[in-house]
N, C-alpha and C. Protein backbone atom coordinates (compact mmCIF):
# COMPACT_ATOMS: atom_id res chain seq x y z
N UNK A 1 6.51 24.90 -21.29
CA UNK A 1 7.39 24.41 -20.26
C UNK A 1 7.51 25.43 -19.12
N UNK A 2 7.56 26.69 -19.47
CA UNK A 2 7.69 27.71 -18.42
C UNK A 2 6.47 27.71 -17.47
N UNK A 3 5.27 27.50 -18.01
CA UNK A 3 4.12 27.46 -17.21
C UNK A 3 4.12 26.23 -16.30
N UNK A 4 4.60 25.10 -16.80
CA UNK A 4 4.67 23.90 -16.00
C UNK A 4 5.65 24.10 -14.83
N UNK A 5 6.81 24.72 -15.15
CA UNK A 5 7.80 25.00 -14.10
C UNK A 5 7.24 25.94 -13.05
N UNK A 6 6.47 26.93 -13.48
CA UNK A 6 5.87 27.87 -12.53
C UNK A 6 4.88 27.17 -11.60
N UNK A 7 4.18 26.20 -12.13
CA UNK A 7 3.24 25.46 -11.33
C UNK A 7 3.88 24.35 -10.50
N UNK A 8 5.16 24.08 -10.77
CA UNK A 8 5.89 23.06 -10.01
C UNK A 8 5.73 21.66 -10.58
N UNK A 9 5.16 21.55 -11.78
CA UNK A 9 4.88 20.23 -12.39
C UNK A 9 6.15 19.73 -13.10
N UNK A 10 6.96 20.62 -13.55
CA UNK A 10 8.19 20.25 -14.31
C UNK A 10 9.37 20.41 -13.41
N UNK A 11 9.84 19.29 -12.86
CA UNK A 11 10.94 19.35 -11.88
C UNK A 11 12.22 18.77 -12.40
N UNK A 12 12.19 18.05 -13.52
CA UNK A 12 13.37 17.43 -14.02
C UNK A 12 13.68 16.09 -13.36
N UNK A 13 14.81 15.56 -13.66
CA UNK A 13 15.19 14.24 -13.18
C UNK A 13 15.77 14.36 -11.77
N UNK A 14 15.52 13.38 -10.96
CA UNK A 14 16.10 13.37 -9.62
C UNK A 14 17.58 13.06 -9.70
N UNK A 15 18.34 13.62 -8.76
CA UNK A 15 19.77 13.40 -8.73
C UNK A 15 20.05 11.94 -8.40
N UNK A 16 20.96 11.31 -9.14
CA UNK A 16 21.28 9.90 -8.92
C UNK A 16 22.54 9.71 -8.12
N UNK A 17 23.31 10.83 -7.91
CA UNK A 17 24.53 10.73 -7.16
C UNK A 17 24.39 11.51 -5.85
N UNK A 18 24.72 10.86 -4.75
CA UNK A 18 24.64 11.52 -3.48
C UNK A 18 25.90 12.34 -3.26
N UNK A 19 25.81 13.64 -3.44
CA UNK A 19 26.97 14.54 -3.33
C UNK A 19 27.59 14.51 -1.94
N UNK A 20 26.84 14.27 -0.93
CA UNK A 20 27.36 14.25 0.41
C UNK A 20 28.33 13.06 0.60
N UNK A 21 27.98 11.89 0.01
CA UNK A 21 28.81 10.72 0.11
C UNK A 21 30.15 10.99 -0.60
N UNK A 22 30.05 11.60 -1.81
CA UNK A 22 31.25 11.89 -2.58
C UNK A 22 32.11 12.90 -1.80
N UNK A 23 31.49 13.90 -1.26
CA UNK A 23 32.23 14.91 -0.46
C UNK A 23 32.97 14.25 0.74
N UNK A 24 32.23 13.40 1.46
CA UNK A 24 32.87 12.76 2.60
C UNK A 24 34.03 11.86 2.19
N UNK A 25 33.94 11.17 1.08
CA UNK A 25 35.00 10.29 0.60
C UNK A 25 36.18 11.11 0.17
N UNK A 26 35.99 12.28 -0.45
CA UNK A 26 37.08 13.15 -0.86
C UNK A 26 37.81 13.68 0.40
N UNK A 27 36.99 14.10 1.37
CA UNK A 27 37.60 14.63 2.62
C UNK A 27 38.36 13.55 3.38
N UNK A 28 37.93 12.30 3.22
CA UNK A 28 38.62 11.17 3.89
C UNK A 28 39.92 10.82 3.20
N UNK A 29 40.17 11.38 2.01
CA UNK A 29 41.41 11.14 1.35
C UNK A 29 41.37 10.05 0.27
N UNK A 30 40.16 9.60 -0.07
CA UNK A 30 40.06 8.61 -1.15
C UNK A 30 40.41 9.21 -2.53
N UNK A 31 41.01 8.42 -3.37
CA UNK A 31 41.31 8.96 -4.70
C UNK A 31 40.01 9.07 -5.51
N UNK A 32 40.09 9.99 -6.44
CA UNK A 32 38.91 10.20 -7.27
C UNK A 32 38.51 8.97 -8.08
N UNK A 33 39.48 8.21 -8.53
CA UNK A 33 39.20 7.01 -9.28
C UNK A 33 38.58 5.95 -8.42
N UNK A 34 39.04 5.80 -7.17
CA UNK A 34 38.46 4.80 -6.29
C UNK A 34 37.04 5.19 -5.87
N UNK A 35 36.78 6.49 -5.74
CA UNK A 35 35.43 6.98 -5.42
C UNK A 35 34.48 6.57 -6.60
N UNK A 36 34.94 6.88 -7.80
CA UNK A 36 34.11 6.60 -8.98
C UNK A 36 33.80 5.11 -9.09
N UNK A 37 34.80 4.27 -8.86
CA UNK A 37 34.61 2.83 -9.00
C UNK A 37 33.66 2.34 -7.89
N UNK A 38 33.85 2.80 -6.69
CA UNK A 38 33.00 2.26 -5.60
C UNK A 38 31.58 2.70 -5.67
N UNK A 39 31.31 3.89 -6.30
CA UNK A 39 29.95 4.37 -6.42
C UNK A 39 29.32 4.08 -7.78
N UNK A 40 30.13 3.50 -8.69
CA UNK A 40 29.63 3.18 -10.00
C UNK A 40 29.31 4.37 -10.87
N UNK A 41 30.10 5.44 -10.71
CA UNK A 41 29.92 6.62 -11.54
C UNK A 41 31.22 6.93 -12.24
N UNK A 42 31.18 7.89 -13.15
CA UNK A 42 32.37 8.22 -13.90
C UNK A 42 33.32 9.14 -13.10
N UNK A 43 34.56 9.10 -13.47
CA UNK A 43 35.55 10.00 -12.81
C UNK A 43 35.19 11.47 -13.06
N UNK A 44 34.69 11.74 -14.23
CA UNK A 44 34.28 13.11 -14.60
C UNK A 44 33.21 13.57 -13.67
N UNK A 45 32.26 12.71 -13.27
CA UNK A 45 31.25 13.12 -12.33
C UNK A 45 31.83 13.45 -10.99
N UNK A 46 32.81 12.71 -10.58
CA UNK A 46 33.52 13.00 -9.30
C UNK A 46 34.20 14.34 -9.40
N UNK A 47 34.89 14.59 -10.52
CA UNK A 47 35.57 15.88 -10.69
C UNK A 47 34.57 17.01 -10.68
N UNK A 48 33.44 16.83 -11.34
CA UNK A 48 32.42 17.90 -11.42
C UNK A 48 31.91 18.21 -10.03
N UNK A 49 31.64 17.18 -9.23
CA UNK A 49 31.12 17.36 -7.88
C UNK A 49 32.15 18.06 -7.00
N UNK A 50 33.40 17.65 -7.16
CA UNK A 50 34.48 18.25 -6.41
C UNK A 50 34.61 19.74 -6.75
N UNK A 51 34.46 20.09 -8.00
CA UNK A 51 34.55 21.49 -8.42
C UNK A 51 33.34 22.32 -7.89
N UNK A 52 32.17 21.67 -7.90
CA UNK A 52 30.98 22.36 -7.38
C UNK A 52 31.08 22.65 -5.90
N UNK A 53 31.68 21.75 -5.17
CA UNK A 53 31.78 21.85 -3.73
C UNK A 53 33.04 22.65 -3.31
N UNK A 54 33.88 22.94 -4.29
CA UNK A 54 35.13 23.70 -4.05
C UNK A 54 35.99 23.02 -3.01
N UNK A 55 36.22 21.70 -3.20
CA UNK A 55 37.07 20.95 -2.26
C UNK A 55 38.46 20.86 -2.78
């Protein structure tokens, strides 16, 4: 696996959540629950993104 990563062949799964959209919704004052429902993701995912972005 290390060799594949070094060659760029092993990239993993593409991100399914647009962090910029979540960030903009948080900054706009939307509740975390409403963000999760509107994007079809879990509240925990919204919390994780919020923590990563330090908002």
